[in-house]
Amino acid sequence: ARLAIVGAGGKTSAMFTIANALKQCNPLAGPVLLTTTTHLAVEQCA
């Protein structure tokens, strides 16, 4: 997956929900990489 998430109504929640699901599905497969081409709220980074 090389997934871009756009729009409104829960983008950041969707990104972290997807990432945690991928991590749980295959915990030994390595990390799930997240990033942004714009900005993120500092508190969301936690």
PDB file of all heavy atoms in Angstrom:
ATOM      1  N   ALA A   1       0.831  -1.207   0.000  1.00  0.00           N
ATOM      2  CA  ALA A   1       0.000   0.000   0.000  1.00  0.00           C
ATOM      3  C   ALA A   1       0.862   1.252   0.000  1.00  0.00           C
ATOM      4  O   ALA A   1       1.764   1.408   0.837  1.00  0.00           O
ATOM      5  CB  ALA A   1      -0.924   0.005   1.211  1.00  0.00           C
ATOM      6  N   ARG A   2       0.553   2.136  -0.927  1.00  0.00           N
ATOM      7  CA  ARG A   2       1.105   3.495  -0.964  1.00  0.00           C
ATOM      8  C   ARG A   2      -0.120   4.403  -1.021  1.00  0.00           C
ATOM      9  O   ARG A   2      -0.537   4.851  -2.079  1.00  0.00           O
ATOM     10  CB  ARG A   2       2.002   3.701  -2.178  1.00  0.00           C
ATOM     11  CG  ARG A   2       3.055   2.603  -2.381  1.00  0.00           C
ATOM     12  CD  ARG A   2       4.163   2.682  -1.339  1.00  0.00           C
ATOM     13  NE  ARG A   2       5.147   1.621  -1.504  1.00  0.00           N
ATOM     14  CZ  ARG A   2       5.214   0.540  -0.746  1.00  0.00           C
ATOM     15  NH1 ARG A   2       4.340   0.370   0.237  1.00  0.00           N
ATOM     16  NH2 ARG A   2       6.144  -0.370  -0.931  1.00  0.00           N
ATOM     17  N   LEU A   3      -0.719   4.628   0.147  1.00  0.00           N
ATOM     18  CA  LEU A   3      -2.060   5.200   0.241  1.00  0.00           C
ATOM     19  C   LEU A   3      -2.015   6.670   0.621  1.00  0.00           C
ATOM     20  O   LEU A   3      -1.411   7.048   1.628  1.00  0.00           O
ATOM     21  CB  LEU A   3      -2.869   4.431   1.296  1.00  0.00           C
ATOM     22  CG  LEU A   3      -4.262   4.965   1.618  1.00  0.00           C
ATOM     23  CD1 LEU A   3      -5.210   4.719   0.452  1.00  0.00           C
ATOM     24  CD2 LEU A   3      -4.817   4.330   2.886  1.00  0.00           C
ATOM     25  N   ALA A   4      -2.684   7.500  -0.174  1.00  0.00           N
ATOM     26  CA  ALA A   4      -2.899   8.902   0.171  1.00  0.00           C
ATOM     27  C   ALA A   4      -4.319   9.059   0.707  1.00  0.00           C
ATOM     28  O   ALA A   4      -5.267   8.477   0.164  1.00  0.00           O
ATOM     29  CB  ALA A   4      -2.691   9.802  -1.030  1.00  0.00           C
ATOM     30  N   ILE A   5      -4.468   9.846   1.774  1.00  0.00           N
ATOM     31  CA  ILE A   5      -5.770  10.083   2.394  1.00  0.00           C
ATOM     32  C   ILE A   5      -6.073  11.575   2.278  1.00  0.00           C
ATOM     33  O   ILE A   5      -5.272  12.412   2.710  1.00  0.00           O
ATOM     34  CB  ILE A   5      -5.756   9.641   3.870  1.00  0.00           C
ATOM     35  CG1 ILE A   5      -5.301   8.180   3.969  1.00  0.00           C
ATOM     36  CG2 ILE A   5      -7.131   9.800   4.495  1.00  0.00           C
ATOM     37  CD1 ILE A   5      -5.060   7.711   5.378  1.00  0.00           C
ATOM     38  N   VAL A   6      -7.232  11.896   1.682  1.00  0.00           N
ATOM     39  CA  VAL A   6      -7.596  13.286   1.425  1.00  0.00           C
ATOM     40  C   VAL A   6      -9.031  13.514   1.851  1.00  0.00           C
ATOM     41  O   VAL A   6      -9.758  12.583   2.202  1.00  0.00           O
ATOM     42  CB  VAL A   6      -7.411  13.640  -0.072  1.00  0.00           C
ATOM     43  CG1 VAL A   6      -5.980  13.401  -0.523  1.00  0.00           C
ATOM     44  CG2 VAL A   6      -8.376  12.836  -0.948  1.00  0.00           C
ATOM     45  N   GLY A   7      -9.443  14.786   1.809  1.00  0.00           N
ATOM     46  CA  GLY A   7     -10.830  15.111   2.131  1.00  0.00           C
ATOM     47  C   GLY A   7     -10.984  15.630   3.553  1.00  0.00           C
ATOM     48  O   GLY A   7     -10.132  16.366   4.062  1.00  0.00           O
ATOM     49  N   ALA A   8     -12.073  15.242   4.212  1.00  0.00           N
ATOM     50  CA  ALA A   8     -12.399  15.771   5.533  1.00  0.00           C
ATOM     51  C   ALA A   8     -13.221  14.747   6.291  1.00  0.00           C
ATOM     52  O   ALA A   8     -13.583  13.693   5.764  1.00  0.00           O
ATOM     53  CB  ALA A   8     -13.179  17.082   5.390  1.00  0.00           C
ATOM     54  N   GLY A   9     -13.509  15.055   7.554  1.00  0.00           N
ATOM     55  CA  GLY A   9     -14.386  14.180   8.316  1.00  0.00           C
ATOM     56  C   GLY A   9     -13.702  12.983   8.932  1.00  0.00           C
ATOM     57  O   GLY A   9     -14.332  11.950   9.136  1.00  0.00           O
ATOM     58  N   GLY A  10     -12.410  13.120   9.253  1.00  0.00           N
ATOM     59  CA  GLY A  10     -11.734  12.033   9.949  1.00  0.00           C
ATOM     60  C   GLY A  10     -10.516  11.471   9.247  1.00  0.00           C
ATOM     61  O   GLY A  10     -10.191  10.295   9.438  1.00  0.00           O
ATOM     62  N   LYS A  11      -9.822  12.286   8.453  1.00  0.00           N
ATOM     63  CA  LYS A  11      -8.642  11.797   7.729  1.00  0.00           C
ATOM     64  C   LYS A  11      -7.568  11.261   8.658  1.00  0.00           C
ATOM     65  O   LYS A  11      -7.050  10.153   8.468  1.00  0.00           O
ATOM     66  CB  LYS A  11      -8.013  12.922   6.892  1.00  0.00           C
ATOM     67  CG  LYS A  11      -8.684  13.241   5.618  1.00  0.00           C
ATOM     68  CD  LYS A  11      -7.791  14.076   4.719  1.00  0.00           C
ATOM     69  CE  LYS A  11      -7.142  15.238   5.434  1.00  0.00           C
ATOM     70  NZ  LYS A  11      -8.104  16.241   5.912  1.00  0.00           N
ATOM     71  N   THR A  12      -7.196  12.048   9.666  1.00  0.00           N
ATOM     72  CA  THR A  12      -6.117  11.631  10.551  1.00  0.00           C
ATOM     73  C   THR A  12      -6.528  10.412  11.366  1.00  0.00           C
ATOM     74  O   THR A  12      -5.732   9.480  11.563  1.00  0.00           O
ATOM     75  CB  THR A  12      -5.704  12.786  11.478  1.00  0.00           C
ATOM     76  OG1 THR A  12      -5.379  13.932  10.685  1.00  0.00           O
ATOM     77  CG2 THR A  12      -4.491  12.399  12.309  1.00  0.00           C
ATOM     78  N   SER A  13      -7.765  10.388  11.831  1.00  0.00           N
ATOM     79  CA  SER A  13      -8.256   9.205  12.533  1.00  0.00           C
ATOM     80  C   SER A  13      -8.188   7.982  11.628  1.00  0.00           C
ATOM     81  O   SER A  13      -7.795   6.889  12.056  1.00  0.00           O
ATOM     82  CB  SER A  13      -9.704   9.418  12.990  1.00  0.00           C
ATOM     83  OG  SER A  13      -9.785  10.460  13.938  1.00  0.00           O
ATOM     84  N   ALA A  14      -8.572   8.158  10.357  1.00  0.00           N
ATOM     85  CA  ALA A  14      -8.505   7.045   9.409  1.00  0.00           C
ATOM     86  C   ALA A  14      -7.075   6.576   9.222  1.00  0.00           C
ATOM     87  O   ALA A  14      -6.806   5.369   9.193  1.00  0.00           O
ATOM     88  CB  ALA A  14      -9.114   7.459   8.077  1.00  0.00           C
ATOM     89  N   MET A  15      -6.144   7.511   9.101  1.00  0.00           N
ATOM     90  CA  MET A  15      -4.753   7.131   8.878  1.00  0.00           C
ATOM     91  C   MET A  15      -4.207   6.291  10.029  1.00  0.00           C
ATOM     92  O   MET A  15      -3.602   5.233   9.815  1.00  0.00           O
ATOM     93  CB  MET A  15      -3.881   8.385   8.680  1.00  0.00           C
ATOM     94  CG  MET A  15      -2.409   8.065   8.403  1.00  0.00           C
ATOM     95  SD  MET A  15      -1.440   9.498   7.884  1.00  0.00           S
ATOM     96  CE  MET A  15      -1.367  10.430   9.424  1.00  0.00           C
ATOM     97  N   PHE A  16      -4.445   6.721  11.266  1.00  0.00           N
ATOM     98  CA  PHE A  16      -3.928   5.964  12.406  1.00  0.00           C
ATOM     99  C   PHE A  16      -4.716   4.664  12.612  1.00  0.00           C
ATOM    100  O   PHE A  16      -4.140   3.647  13.028  1.00  0.00           O
ATOM    101  CB  PHE A  16      -3.946   6.826  13.667  1.00  0.00           C
ATOM    102  CG  PHE A  16      -2.797   7.805  13.735  1.00  0.00           C
ATOM    103  CD1 PHE A  16      -2.991   9.141  13.456  1.00  0.00           C
ATOM    104  CD2 PHE A  16      -1.523   7.369  14.062  1.00  0.00           C
ATOM    105  CE1 PHE A  16      -1.939  10.045  13.513  1.00  0.00           C
ATOM    106  CE2 PHE A  16      -0.462   8.257  14.130  1.00  0.00           C
ATOM    107  CZ  PHE A  16      -0.672   9.599  13.844  1.00  0.00           C
ATOM    108  N   THR A  17      -6.007   4.670  12.306  1.00  0.00           N
ATOM    109  CA  THR A  17      -6.797   3.432  12.406  1.00  0.00           C
ATOM    110  C   THR A  17      -6.275   2.387  11.428  1.00  0.00           C
ATOM    111  O   THR A  17      -6.110   1.205  11.770  1.00  0.00           O
ATOM    112  CB  THR A  17      -8.282   3.727  12.131  1.00  0.00           C
ATOM    113  OG1 THR A  17      -8.776   4.638  13.108  1.00  0.00           O
ATOM    114  CG2 THR A  17      -9.105   2.449  12.183  1.00  0.00           C
ATOM    115  N   ILE A  18      -6.006   2.808  10.198  1.00  0.00           N
ATOM    116  CA  ILE A  18      -5.465   1.894   9.188  1.00  0.00           C
ATOM    117  C   ILE A  18      -4.093   1.386   9.610  1.00  0.00           C
ATOM    118  O   ILE A  18      -3.794   0.186   9.511  1.00  0.00           O
ATOM    119  CB  ILE A  18      -5.384   2.591   7.823  1.00  0.00           C
ATOM    120  CG1 ILE A  18      -6.775   2.924   7.300  1.00  0.00           C
ATOM    121  CG2 ILE A  18      -4.631   1.718   6.817  1.00  0.00           C
ATOM    122  CD1 ILE A  18      -6.762   3.894   6.134  1.00  0.00           C
ATOM    123  N   ALA A  19      -3.244   2.299  10.080  1.00  0.00           N
ATOM    124  CA  ALA A  19      -1.889   1.909  10.462  1.00  0.00           C
ATOM    125  C   ALA A  19      -1.893   0.877  11.577  1.00  0.00           C
ATOM    126  O   ALA A  19      -1.155  -0.123  11.527  1.00  0.00           O
ATOM    127  CB  ALA A  19      -1.105   3.147  10.881  1.00  0.00           C
ATOM    128  N   ASN A  20      -2.714   1.082  12.579  1.00  0.00           N
ATOM    129  CA  ASN A  20      -2.770   0.126  13.693  1.00  0.00           C
ATOM    130  C   ASN A  20      -3.357  -1.214  13.248  1.00  0.00           C
ATOM    131  O   ASN A  20      -2.933  -2.269  13.723  1.00  0.00           O
ATOM    132  CB  ASN A  20      -3.581   0.720  14.849  1.00  0.00           C
ATOM    133  CG  ASN A  20      -2.774   1.729  15.643  1.00  0.00           C
ATOM    134  OD1 ASN A  20      -1.714   1.428  16.167  1.00  0.00           O
ATOM    135  ND2 ASN A  20      -3.273   2.955  15.714  1.00  0.00           N
ATOM    136  N   ALA A  21      -4.304  -1.172  12.320  1.00  0.00           N
ATOM    137  CA  ALA A  21      -4.856  -2.425  11.801  1.00  0.00           C
ATOM    138  C   ALA A  21      -3.805  -3.203  11.028  1.00  0.00           C
ATOM    139  O   ALA A  21      -3.690  -4.426  11.166  1.00  0.00           O
ATOM    140  CB  ALA A  21      -6.062  -2.130  10.914  1.00  0.00           C
ATOM    141  N   LEU A  22      -3.009  -2.502  10.205  1.00  0.00           N
ATOM    142  CA  LEU A  22      -1.937  -3.172   9.467  1.00  0.00           C
ATOM    143  C   LEU A  22      -0.905  -3.761  10.425  1.00  0.00           C
ATOM    144  O   LEU A  22      -0.400  -4.872  10.220  1.00  0.00           O
ATOM    145  CB  LEU A  22      -1.269  -2.191   8.498  1.00  0.00           C
ATOM    146  CG  LEU A  22      -2.058  -1.819   7.249  1.00  0.00           C
ATOM    147  CD1 LEU A  22      -1.391  -0.662   6.518  1.00  0.00           C
ATOM    148  CD2 LEU A  22      -2.195  -3.018   6.315  1.00  0.00           C
ATOM    149  N   LYS A  23      -0.605  -3.024  11.480  1.00  0.00           N
ATOM    150  CA  LYS A  23       0.366  -3.515  12.475  1.00  0.00           C
ATOM    151  C   LYS A  23      -0.150  -4.773  13.161  1.00  0.00           C
ATOM    152  O   LYS A  23       0.591  -5.745  13.355  1.00  0.00           O
ATOM    153  CB  LYS A  23       0.636  -2.419  13.510  1.00  0.00           C
ATOM    154  CG  LYS A  23       1.618  -2.839  14.605  1.00  0.00           C
ATOM    155  CD  LYS A  23       1.862  -1.707  15.590  1.00  0.00           C
ATOM    156  CE  LYS A  23       0.667  -1.471  16.491  1.00  0.00           C
ATOM    157  NZ  LYS A  23       0.976  -0.511  17.584  1.00  0.00           N
ATOM    158  N   GLN A  24      -1.431  -4.790  13.502  1.00  0.00           N
ATOM    159  CA  GLN A  24      -2.001  -5.942  14.200  1.00  0.00           C
ATOM    160  C   GLN A  24      -2.147  -7.149  13.284  1.00  0.00           C
ATOM    161  O   GLN A  24      -2.002  -8.287  13.723  1.00  0.00           O
ATOM    162  CB  GLN A  24      -3.364  -5.558  14.782  1.00  0.00           C
ATOM    163  CG  GLN A  24      -3.271  -4.544  15.909  1.00  0.00           C
ATOM    164  CD  GLN A  24      -4.620  -3.934  16.258  1.00  0.00           C
ATOM    165  OE1 GLN A  24      -5.655  -4.385  15.778  1.00  0.00           O
ATOM    166  NE2 GLN A  24      -4.610  -2.897  17.091  1.00  0.00           N
ATOM    167  N   CYS A  25      -2.422  -6.896  11.987  1.00  0.00           N
ATOM    168  CA  CYS A  25      -2.593  -8.014  11.054  1.00  0.00           C
ATOM    169  C   CYS A  25      -1.291  -8.776  10.839  1.00  0.00           C
ATOM    170  O   CYS A  25      -1.315  -9.991  10.632  1.00  0.00           O
ATOM    171  CB  CYS A  25      -3.109  -7.501   9.708  1.00  0.00           C
ATOM    172  SG  CYS A  25      -4.834  -6.976   9.726  1.00  0.00           S
ATOM    173  N   ASN A  26      -0.170  -8.069  10.884  1.00  0.00           N
ATOM    174  CA  ASN A  26       1.120  -8.701  10.602  1.00  0.00           C
ATOM    175  C   ASN A  26       2.196  -8.038  11.439  1.00  0.00           C
ATOM    176  O   ASN A  26       3.016  -7.269  10.939  1.00  0.00           O
ATOM    177  CB  ASN A  26       1.446  -8.600   9.111  1.00  0.00           C
ATOM    178  CG  ASN A  26       2.529  -9.569   8.697  1.00  0.00           C
ATOM    179  OD1 ASN A  26       3.141 -10.232   9.536  1.00  0.00           O
ATOM    180  ND2 ASN A  26       2.790  -9.657   7.405  1.00  0.00           N
ATOM    181  N   PRO A  27       2.230  -8.330  12.740  1.00  0.00           N
ATOM    182  CA  PRO A  27       3.132  -7.611  13.644  1.00  0.00           C
ATOM    183  C   PRO A  27       4.608  -7.843  13.362  1.00  0.00           C
ATOM    184  O   PRO A  27       5.450  -7.056  13.810  1.00  0.00           O
ATOM    185  CB  PRO A  27       2.743  -8.153  15.023  1.00  0.00           C
ATOM    186  CG  PRO A  27       2.100  -9.472  14.756  1.00  0.00           C
ATOM    187  CD  PRO A  27       1.402  -9.317  13.441  1.00  0.00           C
ATOM    188  N   LEU A  28       4.957  -8.889  12.626  1.00  0.00           N
ATOM    189  CA  LEU A  28       6.367  -9.191  12.354  1.00  0.00           C
ATOM    190  C   LEU A  28       6.828  -8.679  10.995  1.00  0.00           C
ATOM    191  O   LEU A  28       7.965  -8.926  10.598  1.00  0.00           O
ATOM    192  CB  LEU A  28       6.588 -10.707  12.431  1.00  0.00           C
ATOM    193  CG  LEU A  28       6.234 -11.373  13.770  1.00  0.00           C
ATOM    194  CD1 LEU A  28       6.488 -12.868  13.686  1.00  0.00           C
ATOM    195  CD2 LEU A  28       7.035 -10.754  14.914  1.00  0.00           C
ATOM    196  N   ALA A  29       5.951  -7.962  10.295  1.00  0.00           N
ATOM    197  CA  ALA A  29       6.266  -7.556   8.920  1.00  0.00           C
ATOM    198  C   ALA A  29       7.094  -6.276   8.854  1.00  0.00           C
ATOM    199  O   ALA A  29       7.476  -5.857   7.765  1.00  0.00           O
ATOM    200  CB  ALA A  29       4.985  -7.375   8.133  1.00  0.00           C
ATOM    201  N   GLY A  30       7.372  -5.633   9.964  1.00  0.00           N
ATOM    202  CA  GLY A  30       8.085  -4.374   9.932  1.00  0.00           C
ATOM    203  C   GLY A  30       7.149  -3.214  10.210  1.00  0.00           C
ATOM    204  O   GLY A  30       5.954  -3.402  10.440  1.00  0.00           O
ATOM    205  N   PRO A  31       7.665  -1.993  10.175  1.00  0.00           N
ATOM    206  CA  PRO A  31       6.849  -0.839  10.549  1.00  0.00           C
ATOM    207  C   PRO A  31       5.855  -0.441   9.472  1.00  0.00           C
ATOM    208  O   PRO A  31       5.962  -0.835   8.307  1.00  0.00           O
ATOM    209  CB  PRO A  31       7.899   0.258  10.744  1.00  0.00           C
ATOM    210  CG  PRO A  31       8.990  -0.111   9.793  1.00  0.00           C
ATOM    211  CD  PRO A  31       9.047  -1.615   9.829  1.00  0.00           C
ATOM    212  N   VAL A  32       4.871   0.336   9.895  1.00  0.00           N
ATOM    213  CA  VAL A  32       3.956   1.016   8.989  1.00  0.00           C
ATOM    214  C   VAL A  32       4.376   2.483   8.986  1.00  0.00           C
ATOM    215  O   VAL A  32       4.377   3.126  10.040  1.00  0.00           O
ATOM    216  CB  VAL A  32       2.498   0.872   9.448  1.00  0.00           C
ATOM    217  CG1 VAL A  32       1.562   1.567   8.455  1.00  0.00           C
ATOM    218  CG2 VAL A  32       2.126  -0.589   9.613  1.00  0.00           C
ATOM    219  N   LEU A  33       4.752   3.011   7.818  1.00  0.00           N
ATOM    220  CA  LEU A  33       5.273   4.371   7.722  1.00  0.00           C
ATOM    221  C   LEU A  33       4.149   5.357   7.443  1.00  0.00           C
ATOM    222  O   LEU A  33       3.335   5.140   6.532  1.00  0.00           O
ATOM    223  CB  LEU A  33       6.327   4.459   6.620  1.00  0.00           C
ATOM    224  CG  LEU A  33       7.482   3.449   6.686  1.00  0.00           C
ATOM    225  CD1 LEU A  33       8.503   3.741   5.584  1.00  0.00           C
ATOM    226  CD2 LEU A  33       8.150   3.460   8.058  1.00  0.00           C
ATOM    227  N   LEU A  34       4.102   6.437   8.222  1.00  0.00           N
ATOM    228  CA  LEU A  34       3.113   7.497   8.061  1.00  0.00           C
ATOM    229  C   LEU A  34       3.834   8.815   7.819  1.00  0.00           C
ATOM    230  O   LEU A  34       4.919   9.050   8.369  1.00  0.00           O
ATOM    231  CB  LEU A  34       2.258   7.641   9.324  1.00  0.00           C
ATOM    232  CG  LEU A  34       1.011   6.758   9.485  1.00  0.00           C
ATOM    233  CD1 LEU A  34       1.373   5.287   9.408  1.00  0.00           C
ATOM    234  CD2 LEU A  34       0.300   7.057  10.784  1.00  0.00           C
ATOM    235  N   THR A  35       3.196   9.668   7.006  1.00  0.00           N
ATOM    236  CA  THR A  35       3.749  10.994   6.794  1.00  0.00           C
ATOM    237  C   THR A  35       2.647  11.912   6.268  1.00  0.00           C
ATOM    238  O   THR A  35       1.485  11.514   6.178  1.00  0.00           O
ATOM    239  CB  THR A  35       4.954  10.946   5.827  1.00  0.00           C
ATOM    240  OG1 THR A  35       5.585  12.230   5.799  1.00  0.00           O
ATOM    241  CG2 THR A  35       4.541  10.538   4.420  1.00  0.00           C
ATOM    242  N   THR A  36       3.014  13.126   5.938  1.00  0.00           N
ATOM    243  CA  THR A  36       2.051  14.098   5.428  1.00  0.00           C
ATOM    244  C   THR A  36       2.723  15.002   4.412  1.00  0.00           C
ATOM    245  O   THR A  36       3.925  15.272   4.511  1.00  0.00           O
ATOM    246  CB  THR A  36       1.457  14.943   6.570  1.00  0.00           C
ATOM    247  OG1 THR A  36       0.537  15.908   6.023  1.00  0.00           O
ATOM    248  CG2 THR A  36       2.541  15.679   7.339  1.00  0.00           C
ATOM    249  N   THR A  37       1.954  15.441   3.432  1.00  0.00           N
ATOM    250  CA  THR A  37       2.465  16.430   2.480  1.00  0.00           C
ATOM    251  C   THR A  37       2.046  17.838   2.873  1.00  0.00           C
ATOM    252  O   THR A  37       2.378  18.790   2.177  1.00  0.00           O
ATOM    253  CB  THR A  37       1.943  16.126   1.059  1.00  0.00           C
ATOM    254  OG1 THR A  37       0.511  16.119   1.083  1.00  0.00           O
ATOM    255  CG2 THR A  37       2.459  14.787   0.562  1.00  0.00           C
ATOM    256  N   THR A  38       1.294  17.962   3.984  1.00  0.00           N
ATOM    257  CA  THR A  38       0.860  19.293   4.430  1.00  0.00           C
ATOM    258  C   THR A  38       1.271  19.501   5.883  1.00  0.00           C
ATOM    259  O   THR A  38       2.424  19.737   6.166  1.00  0.00           O
ATOM    260  CB  THR A  38      -0.665  19.452   4.258  1.00  0.00           C
ATOM    261  OG1 THR A  38      -1.333  18.368   4.931  1.00  0.00           O
ATOM    262  CG2 THR A  38      -1.043  19.422   2.793  1.00  0.00           C
ATOM    263  N   HIS A  39       0.322  19.432   6.820  1.00  0.00           N
ATOM    264  CA  HIS A  39       0.599  19.632   8.240  1.00  0.00           C
ATOM    265  C   HIS A  39      -0.209  18.619   9.055  1.00  0.00           C
ATOM    266  O   HIS A  39      -1.221  18.101   8.600  1.00  0.00           O
ATOM    267  CB  HIS A  39       0.216  21.044   8.698  1.00  0.00           C
ATOM    268  CG  HIS A  39       0.923  22.144   7.977  1.00  0.00           C
ATOM    269  ND1 HIS A  39       0.488  22.633   6.770  1.00  0.00           N
ATOM    270  CD2 HIS A  39       2.050  22.843   8.298  1.00  0.00           C
ATOM    271  CE1 HIS A  39       1.308  23.600   6.373  1.00  0.00           C
ATOM    272  NE2 HIS A  39       2.253  23.746   7.276  1.00  0.00           N
ATOM    273  N   LEU A  40       0.246  18.384  10.274  1.00  0.00           N
ATOM    274  CA  LEU A  40      -0.517  17.615  11.253  1.00  0.00           C
ATOM    275  C   LEU A  40      -0.563  18.405  12.551  1.00  0.00           C
ATOM    276  O   LEU A  40       0.395  19.124  12.889  1.00  0.00           O
ATOM    277  CB  LEU A  40       0.144  16.259  11.520  1.00  0.00           C
ATOM    278  CG  LEU A  40      -0.006  15.155  10.474  1.00  0.00           C
ATOM    279  CD1 LEU A  40       0.787  13.933  10.913  1.00  0.00           C
ATOM    280  CD2 LEU A  40      -1.460  14.778  10.278  1.00  0.00           C
ATOM    281  N   ALA A  41      -1.665  18.283  13.288  1.00  0.00           N
ATOM    282  CA  ALA A  41      -1.716  18.874  14.620  1.00  0.00           C
ATOM    283  C   ALA A  41      -0.686  18.179  15.506  1.00  0.00           C
ATOM    284  O   ALA A  41      -0.550  16.945  15.470  1.00  0.00           O
ATOM    285  CB  ALA A  41      -3.110  18.740  15.209  1.00  0.00           C
ATOM    286  N   VAL A  42       0.033  18.950  16.294  1.00  0.00           N
ATOM    287  CA  VAL A  42       1.107  18.386  17.116  1.00  0.00           C
ATOM    288  C   VAL A  42       0.577  17.299  18.042  1.00  0.00           C
ATOM    289  O   VAL A  42       1.204  16.246  18.209  1.00  0.00           O
ATOM    290  CB  VAL A  42       1.795  19.507  17.929  1.00  0.00           C
ATOM    291  CG1 VAL A  42       2.775  18.913  18.937  1.00  0.00           C
ATOM    292  CG2 VAL A  42       2.511  20.478  17.004  1.00  0.00           C
ATOM    293  N   GLU A  43      -0.621  17.514  18.632  1.00  0.00           N
ATOM    294  CA  GLU A  43      -1.142  16.512  19.568  1.00  0.00           C
ATOM    295  C   GLU A  43      -1.497  15.204  18.868  1.00  0.00           C
ATOM    296  O   GLU A  43      -1.491  14.138  19.482  1.00  0.00           O
ATOM    297  CB  GLU A  43      -2.358  17.058  20.326  1.00  0.00           C
ATOM    298  CG  GLU A  43      -3.574  17.361  19.469  1.00  0.00           C
ATOM    299  CD  GLU A  43      -3.601  18.800  18.968  1.00  0.00           C
ATOM    300  OE1 GLU A  43      -2.538  19.460  18.989  1.00  0.00           O
ATOM    301  OE2 GLU A  43      -4.683  19.257  18.559  1.00  0.00           O
ATOM    302  N   GLN A  44      -1.797  15.269  17.566  1.00  0.00           N
ATOM    303  CA  GLN A  44      -2.120  14.047  16.836  1.00  0.00           C
ATOM    304  C   GLN A  44      -0.895  13.150  16.642  1.00  0.00           C
ATOM    305  O   GLN A  44      -1.027  11.930  16.512  1.00  0.00           O
ATOM    306  CB  GLN A  44      -2.736  14.387  15.477  1.00  0.00           C
ATOM    307  CG  GLN A  44      -4.114  15.037  15.575  1.00  0.00           C
ATOM    308  CD  GLN A  44      -4.630  15.502  14.228  1.00  0.00           C
ATOM    309  OE1 GLN A  44      -3.868  15.975  13.382  1.00  0.00           O
ATOM    310  NE2 GLN A  44      -5.939  15.382  14.021  1.00  0.00           N
ATOM    311  N   CYS A  45       0.265  13.739  16.637  1.00  0.00           N
ATOM    312  CA  CYS A  45       1.493  12.967  16.410  1.00  0.00           C
ATOM    313  C   CYS A  45       1.731  11.939  17.516  1.00  0.00           C
ATOM    314  O   CYS A  45       2.420  10.931  17.303  1.00  0.00           O
ATOM    315  CB  CYS A  45       2.694  13.894  16.306  1.00  0.00           C
ATOM    316  SG  CYS A  45       2.615  15.065  14.925  1.00  0.00           S
ATOM    317  N   ALA A  46       1.165  12.180  18.696  1.00  0.00           N
ATOM    318  CA  ALA A  46       1.374  11.262  19.818  1.00  0.00           C
ATOM    319  C   ALA A  46       0.723   9.906  19.592  1.00  0.00           C
ATOM    320  O   ALA A  46       1.010   8.955  20.320  1.00  0.00           O
ATOM    321  CB  ALA A  46       0.831  11.898  21.100  1.00  0.00           C
TER     322      ALA A  46
END
